[in-house]
């Protein structure tokens, strides 16, 4: 089994185990930071109507001016995003190693700062993913279509794009 498939399988197993505990009534405002310190996933609503399911131990920061001047977020952890499209205003998600630009789509991110690697799985739509740091080897962004995934490891300065298998894609789509 390829390493990327094993990573996806582990992420999917962990997420599936926590499916039942998702709460649904948390609305976040611009300029706020929310940390899910519970043992369950929490679904939060952003000021633009987008929804995010945050895994335990995940922190999401919403920039000041979100929805007015920008749609910038910062993530430390793992989350499933369902982003509302806003014409001319992409949502930009910042992690330790990546900058992910979104118009309207559904995707999964595993990006805990304490881990060397990060992963983005695209379920629907289109994403542009690039390194958030200067690389001596490759600074070109990757454009993901539905069913694509990208993995990055800053320690070895490697970013790789792959297709998810149909089974992996269905498992991620079923997450809530």
N, C-alpha and C. Protein backbone atom coordinates (compact mmCIF):
# COMPACT_ATOMS: atom_id res chain seq x y z
N UNK A 1 0.86 -1.18 0.00
CA UNK A 1 0.00 0.00 0.00
C UNK A 1 0.90 1.24 0.00
N UNK A 2 0.62 2.20 -0.87
CA UNK A 2 1.39 3.44 -0.92
C UNK A 2 1.19 4.23 0.36
N UNK A 3 2.21 4.99 0.74
CA UNK A 3 2.15 5.80 1.95
C UNK A 3 0.95 6.74 1.93
N UNK A 4 0.68 7.37 0.78
CA UNK A 4 -0.44 8.31 0.70
C UNK A 4 -1.77 7.60 0.96
N UNK A 5 -1.92 6.39 0.46
CA UNK A 5 -3.15 5.64 0.70
C UNK A 5 -3.28 5.26 2.16
N UNK A 6 -2.17 4.92 2.79
CA UNK A 6 -2.18 4.57 4.21
C UNK A 6 -2.56 5.78 5.05
N UNK A 7 -2.02 6.96 4.72
CA UNK A 7 -2.34 8.18 5.46
C UNK A 7 -3.82 8.49 5.34
N UNK A 8 -4.38 8.40 4.13
CA UNK A 8 -5.80 8.66 3.93
C UNK A 8 -6.64 7.66 4.72
N UNK A 9 -6.24 6.40 4.70
CA UNK A 9 -6.99 5.37 5.42
C UNK A 9 -7.00 5.67 6.92
N UNK A 10 -5.86 6.07 7.48
CA UNK A 10 -5.79 6.39 8.90
C UNK A 10 -6.68 7.60 9.21
N UNK A 11 -6.59 8.65 8.40
CA UNK A 11 -7.41 9.85 8.61
C UNK A 11 -8.89 9.48 8.54
N UNK A 12 -9.26 8.70 7.55
CA UNK A 12 -10.67 8.33 7.39
C UNK A 12 -11.16 7.49 8.56
N UNK A 13 -10.33 6.59 9.05
CA UNK A 13 -10.72 5.76 10.18
C UNK A 13 -10.96 6.60 11.42
N UNK A 14 -10.06 7.54 11.68
CA UNK A 14 -10.21 8.41 12.84
C UNK A 14 -11.46 9.27 12.70
N UNK A 15 -11.69 9.83 11.53
CA UNK A 15 -12.86 10.67 11.32
C UNK A 15 -14.15 9.87 11.44
N UNK A 16 -14.18 8.68 10.89
CA UNK A 16 -15.39 7.87 10.95
C UNK A 16 -15.74 7.52 12.40
N UNK A 17 -14.73 7.34 13.23
CA UNK A 17 -14.98 6.99 14.62
C UNK A 17 -15.64 8.12 15.39
N UNK A 18 -15.47 9.36 14.92
CA UNK A 18 -16.00 10.51 15.65
C UNK A 18 -17.24 11.11 14.99
N UNK A 19 -17.76 10.48 13.99
CA UNK A 19 -18.90 11.02 13.25
C UNK A 19 -20.10 11.37 14.13
N UNK A 20 -20.41 10.54 15.09
CA UNK A 20 -21.63 10.71 15.84
C UNK A 20 -21.65 11.90 16.78
N UNK A 21 -20.50 12.51 17.11
CA UNK A 21 -20.47 13.53 18.14
C UNK A 21 -20.49 14.95 17.62
N UNK A 22 -20.86 15.19 16.41
CA UNK A 22 -20.81 16.53 15.85
C UNK A 22 -21.93 17.41 16.39
N UNK A 23 -21.55 18.55 17.02
CA UNK A 23 -22.57 19.51 17.45
C UNK A 23 -22.80 20.49 16.31
N UNK A 24 -23.93 21.21 16.31
CA UNK A 24 -24.29 21.96 15.11
C UNK A 24 -24.66 23.42 15.33
N UNK A 25 -24.49 24.00 16.48
CA UNK A 25 -25.02 25.33 16.70
C UNK A 25 -23.98 26.37 17.09
N UNK A 26 -22.78 26.29 16.58
CA UNK A 26 -21.74 27.25 16.91
C UNK A 26 -21.54 28.16 15.71
N UNK A 27 -21.72 29.47 15.92
CA UNK A 27 -21.48 30.45 14.86
C UNK A 27 -20.31 31.32 15.28
N UNK A 28 -19.32 31.45 14.41
CA UNK A 28 -18.14 32.23 14.71
C UNK A 28 -18.20 33.58 14.00
N UNK A 29 -17.69 34.61 14.65
CA UNK A 29 -17.64 35.94 14.06
C UNK A 29 -16.26 36.27 13.55
N UNK A 30 -16.18 37.36 12.78
CA UNK A 30 -14.89 37.77 12.25
C UNK A 30 -13.99 38.21 13.40
N UNK A 31 -12.69 37.93 13.24
CA UNK A 31 -11.73 38.29 14.28
C UNK A 31 -11.72 37.37 15.48
N UNK A 32 -12.31 36.18 15.37
CA UNK A 32 -12.35 35.27 16.51
C UNK A 32 -11.46 34.05 16.28
N UNK A 33 -11.15 33.38 17.37
CA UNK A 33 -10.39 32.14 17.33
C UNK A 33 -11.20 31.12 18.13
N UNK A 34 -11.37 29.93 17.55
CA UNK A 34 -12.12 28.88 18.22
C UNK A 34 -11.26 27.63 18.30
N UNK A 35 -11.20 27.03 19.46
CA UNK A 35 -10.48 25.77 19.65
C UNK A 35 -11.47 24.72 20.11
N UNK A 36 -11.50 23.61 19.41
CA UNK A 36 -12.34 22.49 19.80
C UNK A 36 -11.57 21.66 20.81
N UNK A 37 -11.85 21.88 22.09
CA UNK A 37 -11.16 21.16 23.15
C UNK A 37 -11.93 19.94 23.64
N UNK A 38 -13.01 19.61 22.95
CA UNK A 38 -13.81 18.45 23.37
C UNK A 38 -13.25 17.18 22.73
N UNK A 39 -13.84 16.07 23.05
CA UNK A 39 -13.46 14.80 22.45
C UNK A 39 -14.26 14.48 21.21
N UNK A 40 -15.17 15.38 20.81
CA UNK A 40 -16.02 15.16 19.64
C UNK A 40 -15.73 16.20 18.57
N UNK A 41 -16.19 15.94 17.35
CA UNK A 41 -16.12 16.93 16.28
C UNK A 41 -17.16 18.00 16.54
N UNK A 42 -16.85 19.24 16.15
CA UNK A 42 -17.80 20.35 16.26
C UNK A 42 -17.99 20.98 14.89
N UNK A 43 -19.24 21.19 14.52
CA UNK A 43 -19.53 21.91 13.28
C UNK A 43 -19.75 23.37 13.62
N UNK A 44 -19.03 24.25 12.92
CA UNK A 44 -19.17 25.69 13.14
C UNK A 44 -19.59 26.35 11.84
N UNK A 45 -20.26 27.47 11.97
CA UNK A 45 -20.70 28.24 10.81
C UNK A 45 -19.89 29.54 10.78
N UNK A 46 -19.38 29.87 9.60
CA UNK A 46 -18.61 31.10 9.42
C UNK A 46 -19.55 32.25 9.05
N UNK A 47 -19.10 33.50 9.18
CA UNK A 47 -19.96 34.64 8.87
C UNK A 47 -20.51 34.65 7.44
N UNK A 48 -19.82 34.00 6.48
CA UNK A 48 -20.29 33.97 5.10
C UNK A 48 -21.23 32.81 4.80
N UNK A 49 -21.56 32.00 5.83
CA UNK A 49 -22.46 30.86 5.64
C UNK A 49 -21.75 29.55 5.40
N UNK A 50 -20.43 29.58 5.21
CA UNK A 50 -19.66 28.35 5.05
C UNK A 50 -19.71 27.55 6.34
N UNK A 51 -19.55 26.24 6.22
CA UNK A 51 -19.58 25.37 7.40
C UNK A 51 -18.26 24.60 7.48
N UNK A 52 -17.81 24.39 8.73
CA UNK A 52 -16.55 23.68 8.96
C UNK A 52 -16.78 22.69 10.11
N UNK A 53 -16.40 21.44 9.89
CA UNK A 53 -16.43 20.44 10.95
C UNK A 53 -15.00 20.33 11.48
N UNK A 54 -14.83 20.71 12.75
CA UNK A 54 -13.51 20.71 13.38
C UNK A 54 -13.33 19.47 14.23
N UNK A 55 -12.23 18.78 14.02
CA UNK A 55 -11.88 17.60 14.80
C UNK A 55 -11.37 18.02 16.17
N UNK A 56 -11.38 17.14 17.14
CA UNK A 56 -10.86 17.47 18.47
C UNK A 56 -9.42 17.99 18.40
N UNK A 57 -9.13 19.01 19.22
CA UNK A 57 -7.79 19.58 19.26
C UNK A 57 -7.49 20.55 18.15
N UNK A 58 -8.48 20.89 17.34
CA UNK A 58 -8.29 21.77 16.18
C UNK A 58 -8.61 23.21 16.55
N UNK A 59 -7.79 24.13 16.02
CA UNK A 59 -8.00 25.56 16.24
C UNK A 59 -8.22 26.24 14.89
N UNK A 60 -9.27 27.07 14.82
CA UNK A 60 -9.59 27.83 13.62
C UNK A 60 -9.65 29.30 13.99
N UNK A 61 -8.91 30.13 13.25
CA UNK A 61 -8.90 31.58 13.48
C UNK A 61 -9.51 32.27 12.28
N UNK A 62 -10.43 33.20 12.53
CA UNK A 62 -11.10 33.96 11.49
C UNK A 62 -10.52 35.37 11.50
N UNK A 63 -10.03 35.84 10.37
CA UNK A 63 -9.38 37.14 10.29
C UNK A 63 -10.36 38.27 10.57
N UNK A 64 -9.83 39.37 11.10
CA UNK A 64 -10.64 40.58 11.25
C UNK A 64 -11.01 41.03 9.84
N UNK A 65 -12.23 41.49 9.68
CA UNK A 65 -12.72 41.91 8.37
C UNK A 65 -13.20 40.77 7.50
N UNK A 66 -13.30 39.54 8.06
CA UNK A 66 -13.76 38.38 7.29
C UNK A 66 -15.14 38.68 6.72
N UNK A 67 -15.29 38.48 5.42
CA UNK A 67 -16.57 38.72 4.75
C UNK A 67 -16.70 40.14 4.23
N UNK A 68 -15.86 41.05 4.71
CA UNK A 68 -15.88 42.45 4.25
C UNK A 68 -14.63 42.74 3.42
N UNK A 69 -13.48 42.64 4.09
CA UNK A 69 -12.20 42.94 3.43
C UNK A 69 -11.50 41.69 2.92
N UNK A 70 -11.84 40.54 3.48
CA UNK A 70 -11.14 39.30 3.15
C UNK A 70 -12.01 38.11 3.51
N UNK A 71 -11.53 36.94 3.19
CA UNK A 71 -12.13 35.68 3.66
C UNK A 71 -10.99 34.77 4.09
N UNK A 72 -10.13 35.28 4.97
CA UNK A 72 -8.94 34.57 5.41
C UNK A 72 -9.19 33.81 6.70
N UNK A 73 -8.69 32.57 6.72
CA UNK A 73 -8.76 31.70 7.89
C UNK A 73 -7.38 31.12 8.15
N UNK A 74 -7.16 30.73 9.40
CA UNK A 74 -5.94 30.00 9.74
C UNK A 74 -6.36 28.74 10.48
N UNK A 75 -5.76 27.61 10.10
CA UNK A 75 -6.12 26.32 10.68
C UNK A 75 -4.89 25.65 11.26
N UNK A 76 -5.05 25.16 12.49
CA UNK A 76 -4.08 24.27 13.11
C UNK A 76 -4.87 23.06 13.55
N UNK A 77 -4.85 22.01 12.74
CA UNK A 77 -5.62 20.82 13.07
C UNK A 77 -6.22 20.17 11.85
N UNK A 78 -7.36 19.53 12.07
CA UNK A 78 -8.03 18.77 11.01
C UNK A 78 -9.48 19.21 10.89
N UNK A 79 -9.93 19.44 9.66
CA UNK A 79 -11.30 19.93 9.46
C UNK A 79 -11.81 19.55 8.08
N UNK A 80 -13.14 19.50 7.99
CA UNK A 80 -13.84 19.29 6.73
C UNK A 80 -14.56 20.59 6.42
N UNK A 81 -14.32 21.17 5.24
CA UNK A 81 -14.87 22.47 4.86
C UNK A 81 -15.94 22.32 3.80
N UNK A 82 -17.02 23.08 3.94
CA UNK A 82 -18.07 23.20 2.94
C UNK A 82 -18.22 24.70 2.70
N UNK A 83 -17.53 25.21 1.67
CA UNK A 83 -17.36 26.65 1.47
C UNK A 83 -18.39 27.20 0.49
N UNK A 84 -19.03 28.29 0.89
CA UNK A 84 -19.99 29.01 0.05
C UNK A 84 -19.20 29.86 -0.94
N UNK A 85 -19.59 29.82 -2.20
CA UNK A 85 -18.95 30.65 -3.22
C UNK A 85 -19.41 32.10 -3.07
N UNK A 86 -18.46 33.02 -3.14
CA UNK A 86 -18.75 34.45 -3.13
C UNK A 86 -17.99 35.04 -4.31
N UNK A 87 -18.72 35.55 -5.29
CA UNK A 87 -18.11 36.06 -6.52
C UNK A 87 -17.02 37.09 -6.22
N UNK A 88 -15.85 36.86 -6.79
CA UNK A 88 -14.74 37.79 -6.65
C UNK A 88 -14.05 37.77 -5.31
N UNK A 89 -14.48 36.89 -4.41
CA UNK A 89 -13.88 36.82 -3.06
C UNK A 89 -13.54 35.38 -2.69
N UNK A 90 -12.36 34.93 -3.04
CA UNK A 90 -12.00 33.56 -2.64
C UNK A 90 -11.77 33.47 -1.14
N UNK A 91 -12.05 32.31 -0.59
CA UNK A 91 -11.68 32.03 0.79
C UNK A 91 -10.23 31.56 0.74
N UNK A 92 -9.39 32.06 1.64
CA UNK A 92 -7.99 31.66 1.67
C UNK A 92 -7.71 31.05 3.04
N UNK A 93 -7.33 29.77 3.04
CA UNK A 93 -7.03 29.04 4.26
C UNK A 93 -5.52 28.91 4.39
N UNK A 94 -5.01 29.34 5.54
CA UNK A 94 -3.57 29.28 5.82
C UNK A 94 -3.32 28.20 6.86
N UNK A 95 -2.36 27.30 6.57
CA UNK A 95 -1.88 26.33 7.54
C UNK A 95 -0.39 26.62 7.73
N UNK A 96 0.27 25.82 8.51
CA UNK A 96 1.70 26.01 8.72
C UNK A 96 2.47 25.96 7.41
N UNK A 97 2.10 25.05 6.51
CA UNK A 97 2.87 24.82 5.29
C UNK A 97 2.17 25.19 4.00
N UNK A 98 0.88 25.48 4.05
CA UNK A 98 0.12 25.66 2.81
C UNK A 98 -0.73 26.92 2.83
N UNK A 99 -1.01 27.41 1.63
CA UNK A 99 -2.02 28.44 1.40
C UNK A 99 -2.99 27.84 0.39
N UNK A 100 -4.25 27.70 0.79
CA UNK A 100 -5.27 27.04 -0.03
C UNK A 100 -6.29 28.08 -0.43
N UNK A 101 -6.46 28.30 -1.74
CA UNK A 101 -7.40 29.29 -2.26
C UNK A 101 -8.63 28.58 -2.79
N UNK A 102 -9.81 29.05 -2.32
CA UNK A 102 -11.08 28.38 -2.57
C UNK A 102 -12.11 29.38 -3.07
N UNK A 103 -12.90 29.01 -4.08
CA UNK A 103 -14.04 29.85 -4.48
C UNK A 103 -15.32 29.31 -3.86
N UNK A 104 -15.58 28.07 -4.00
CA UNK A 104 -16.74 27.41 -3.40
C UNK A 104 -16.55 25.93 -3.62
N UNK A 105 -16.46 25.17 -2.56
CA UNK A 105 -16.10 23.77 -2.71
C UNK A 105 -16.24 23.03 -1.39
N UNK A 106 -15.98 21.75 -1.42
CA UNK A 106 -15.98 20.92 -0.23
C UNK A 106 -14.66 20.16 -0.20
N UNK A 107 -13.92 20.29 0.92
CA UNK A 107 -12.63 19.65 1.01
C UNK A 107 -12.27 19.35 2.46
N UNK A 108 -11.28 18.49 2.63
CA UNK A 108 -10.81 18.04 3.94
C UNK A 108 -9.34 18.43 4.07
N UNK A 109 -8.94 18.91 5.26
CA UNK A 109 -7.56 19.27 5.52
C UNK A 109 -7.12 18.63 6.83
N UNK A 110 -5.92 18.05 6.82
CA UNK A 110 -5.28 17.53 8.03
C UNK A 110 -3.96 18.27 8.15
N UNK A 111 -3.88 19.25 9.09
CA UNK A 111 -2.71 20.14 9.15
C UNK A 111 -2.40 20.58 10.57
N UNK A 112 -2.14 19.63 11.46
CA UNK A 112 -1.72 19.99 12.81
C UNK A 112 -0.30 20.53 12.75
N UNK A 113 -0.05 21.68 13.35
CA UNK A 113 1.28 22.31 13.35
C UNK A 113 2.37 21.39 13.91
N UNK A 114 2.00 20.54 14.85
CA UNK A 114 3.00 19.68 15.48
C UNK A 114 3.49 18.57 14.55
N UNK A 115 2.78 18.31 13.45
CA UNK A 115 3.16 17.26 12.50
C UNK A 115 3.96 17.84 11.34
N UNK A 116 4.91 17.09 10.84
CA UNK A 116 5.72 17.55 9.71
C UNK A 116 4.90 17.61 8.42
N UNK A 117 3.94 16.70 8.27
CA UNK A 117 3.17 16.62 7.03
C UNK A 117 1.77 17.19 7.16
N UNK A 118 1.22 17.56 6.00
CA UNK A 118 -0.16 18.03 5.89
C UNK A 118 -0.78 17.38 4.67
N UNK A 119 -2.13 17.33 4.66
CA UNK A 119 -2.83 16.72 3.53
C UNK A 119 -4.12 17.47 3.25
N UNK A 120 -4.44 17.63 1.96
CA UNK A 120 -5.68 18.25 1.51
C UNK A 120 -6.35 17.26 0.56
N UNK A 121 -7.64 16.94 0.82
CA UNK A 121 -8.43 16.05 -0.05
C UNK A 121 -9.57 16.87 -0.62
N UNK A 122 -9.67 16.96 -1.95
CA UNK A 122 -10.74 17.74 -2.58
C UNK A 122 -11.89 16.82 -2.96
N UNK A 123 -13.08 17.14 -2.42
CA UNK A 123 -14.28 16.34 -2.69
C UNK A 123 -15.07 16.90 -3.86
N UNK A 124 -15.25 18.22 -3.89
CA UNK A 124 -16.02 18.86 -4.96
C UNK A 124 -15.40 20.22 -5.26
N UNK A 125 -15.43 20.62 -6.52
CA UNK A 125 -14.96 21.95 -6.89
C UNK A 125 -13.52 21.96 -7.36
N UNK A 126 -12.85 23.07 -7.04
CA UNK A 126 -11.47 23.27 -7.49
C UNK A 126 -10.73 24.06 -6.42
N UNK A 127 -9.47 23.71 -6.19
CA UNK A 127 -8.62 24.41 -5.23
C UNK A 127 -7.28 24.74 -5.87
N UNK A 128 -6.67 25.80 -5.38
CA UNK A 128 -5.28 26.08 -5.72
C UNK A 128 -4.51 25.98 -4.41
N UNK A 129 -3.50 25.11 -4.39
CA UNK A 129 -2.73 24.87 -3.19
C UNK A 129 -1.27 25.20 -3.48
N UNK A 130 -0.66 26.01 -2.59
CA UNK A 130 0.76 26.31 -2.76
C UNK A 130 1.43 26.32 -1.40
N UNK A 131 2.74 26.18 -1.43
CA UNK A 131 3.52 26.21 -0.20
C UNK A 131 3.44 27.61 0.39
N UNK A 132 3.39 27.68 1.71
CA UNK A 132 3.33 28.98 2.39
C UNK A 132 4.72 29.52 2.68
N UNK A 133 5.73 28.80 2.27
CA UNK A 133 7.12 29.19 2.51
C UNK A 133 7.89 29.10 1.20
N UNK A 134 9.05 29.74 1.14
CA UNK A 134 9.88 29.65 -0.06
C UNK A 134 10.62 28.33 -0.05
N UNK A 135 10.58 27.65 -1.17
CA UNK A 135 11.23 26.35 -1.32
C UNK A 135 12.37 26.48 -2.32
N UNK A 136 13.47 25.79 -2.04
CA UNK A 136 14.59 25.79 -2.98
C UNK A 136 14.33 24.88 -4.16
N UNK A 137 13.33 23.99 -4.06
CA UNK A 137 13.10 23.01 -5.13
C UNK A 137 11.89 23.31 -5.99
N UNK A 138 10.79 23.78 -5.39
CA UNK A 138 9.57 23.94 -6.17
C UNK A 138 8.61 24.89 -5.46
N UNK A 139 8.24 25.97 -6.12
CA UNK A 139 7.30 26.93 -5.54
C UNK A 139 6.02 27.06 -6.35
N UNK A 140 5.84 26.19 -7.34
CA UNK A 140 4.65 26.25 -8.19
C UNK A 140 3.42 25.71 -7.46
N UNK A 141 2.28 26.40 -7.57
CA UNK A 141 1.06 25.88 -6.94
C UNK A 141 0.52 24.67 -7.70
N UNK A 142 -0.26 23.87 -6.98
CA UNK A 142 -0.97 22.74 -7.58
C UNK A 142 -2.44 23.13 -7.69
N UNK A 143 -3.08 22.81 -8.80
CA UNK A 143 -4.51 23.01 -8.96
C UNK A 143 -5.17 21.65 -8.82
N UNK A 144 -6.09 21.54 -7.87
CA UNK A 144 -6.76 20.28 -7.60
C UNK A 144 -8.17 20.30 -8.17
N UNK A 145 -8.56 19.20 -8.79
CA UNK A 145 -9.92 18.97 -9.23
C UNK A 145 -10.53 17.92 -8.31
N UNK A 146 -11.85 17.74 -8.40
CA UNK A 146 -12.54 16.76 -7.54
C UNK A 146 -11.82 15.42 -7.59
N UNK A 147 -11.59 14.85 -6.40
CA UNK A 147 -10.94 13.54 -6.31
C UNK A 147 -9.44 13.61 -6.18
N UNK A 148 -8.84 14.80 -6.27
CA UNK A 148 -7.40 14.95 -6.11
C UNK A 148 -7.06 15.18 -4.64
N UNK A 149 -5.83 14.85 -4.30
CA UNK A 149 -5.30 15.14 -2.98
C UNK A 149 -3.88 15.65 -3.13
N UNK A 150 -3.43 16.43 -2.16
CA UNK A 150 -2.05 16.87 -2.14
C UNK A 150 -1.51 16.64 -0.73
N UNK A 151 -0.27 16.17 -0.68
CA UNK A 151 0.40 15.97 0.59
C UNK A 151 1.69 16.79 0.56
N UNK A 152 2.04 17.35 1.74
CA UNK A 152 3.26 18.13 1.84
C UNK A 152 3.99 17.71 3.10
N UNK A 153 5.32 17.71 3.00
CA UNK A 153 6.17 17.50 4.16
C UNK A 153 7.28 18.53 4.09
N UNK A 154 7.21 19.52 4.97
CA UNK A 154 8.17 20.62 4.96
C UNK A 154 9.57 20.14 5.34
N UNK A 155 9.66 19.15 6.21
CA UNK A 155 10.97 18.67 6.65
C UNK A 155 11.82 18.15 5.50
N UNK A 156 11.18 17.53 4.52
CA UNK A 156 11.92 17.05 3.35
C UNK A 156 11.61 17.88 2.10
N UNK A 157 10.87 18.97 2.27
CA UNK A 157 10.52 19.91 1.20
C UNK A 157 9.91 19.20 -0.01
N UNK A 158 8.83 18.44 0.26
CA UNK A 158 8.17 17.68 -0.80
C UNK A 158 6.68 17.96 -0.78
N UNK A 159 6.12 18.29 -1.94
CA UNK A 159 4.67 18.43 -2.10
C UNK A 159 4.29 17.56 -3.29
N UNK A 160 3.31 16.67 -3.08
CA UNK A 160 2.93 15.70 -4.10
C UNK A 160 1.42 15.67 -4.28
N UNK A 161 0.99 15.68 -5.54
CA UNK A 161 -0.43 15.61 -5.89
C UNK A 161 -0.73 14.22 -6.42
N UNK A 162 -1.87 13.64 -5.97
CA UNK A 162 -2.30 12.32 -6.42
C UNK A 162 -3.81 12.29 -6.56
N UNK A 163 -4.31 11.26 -7.23
CA UNK A 163 -5.75 10.99 -7.31
C UNK A 163 -6.13 10.06 -6.16
N UNK A 164 -7.28 10.34 -5.54
CA UNK A 164 -7.79 9.44 -4.51
C UNK A 164 -8.50 8.28 -5.20
N UNK A 165 -8.47 7.11 -4.58
CA UNK A 165 -9.19 5.97 -5.15
C UNK A 165 -10.68 6.23 -4.97
N UNK A 166 -11.54 5.59 -5.76
CA UNK A 166 -12.98 5.77 -5.59
C UNK A 166 -13.45 5.43 -4.17
N UNK A 167 -12.87 4.41 -3.55
CA UNK A 167 -13.26 4.03 -2.19
C UNK A 167 -12.86 5.12 -1.19
N UNK A 168 -11.65 5.66 -1.33
CA UNK A 168 -11.20 6.74 -0.44
C UNK A 168 -12.08 7.96 -0.61
N UNK A 169 -12.40 8.31 -1.83
CA UNK A 169 -13.23 9.47 -2.12
C UNK A 169 -14.61 9.31 -1.50
N UNK A 170 -15.21 8.15 -1.61
CA UNK A 170 -16.54 7.93 -1.02
C UNK A 170 -16.53 8.01 0.49
N UNK A 171 -15.48 7.49 1.12
CA UNK A 171 -15.36 7.56 2.57
C UNK A 171 -15.27 9.00 3.05
N UNK A 172 -14.49 9.82 2.37
CA UNK A 172 -14.35 11.22 2.76
C UNK A 172 -15.66 11.95 2.52
N UNK A 173 -16.34 11.68 1.41
CA UNK A 173 -17.63 12.31 1.12
C UNK A 173 -18.69 12.01 2.18
N UNK A 174 -18.59 10.83 2.77
CA UNK A 174 -19.58 10.41 3.78
C UNK A 174 -19.34 11.03 5.14
N UNK A 175 -18.20 11.70 5.32
CA UNK A 175 -17.89 12.28 6.64
C UNK A 175 -18.82 13.42 6.98
N UNK A 176 -19.12 13.53 8.23
CA UNK A 176 -19.87 14.67 8.80
C UNK A 176 -19.49 14.83 10.21
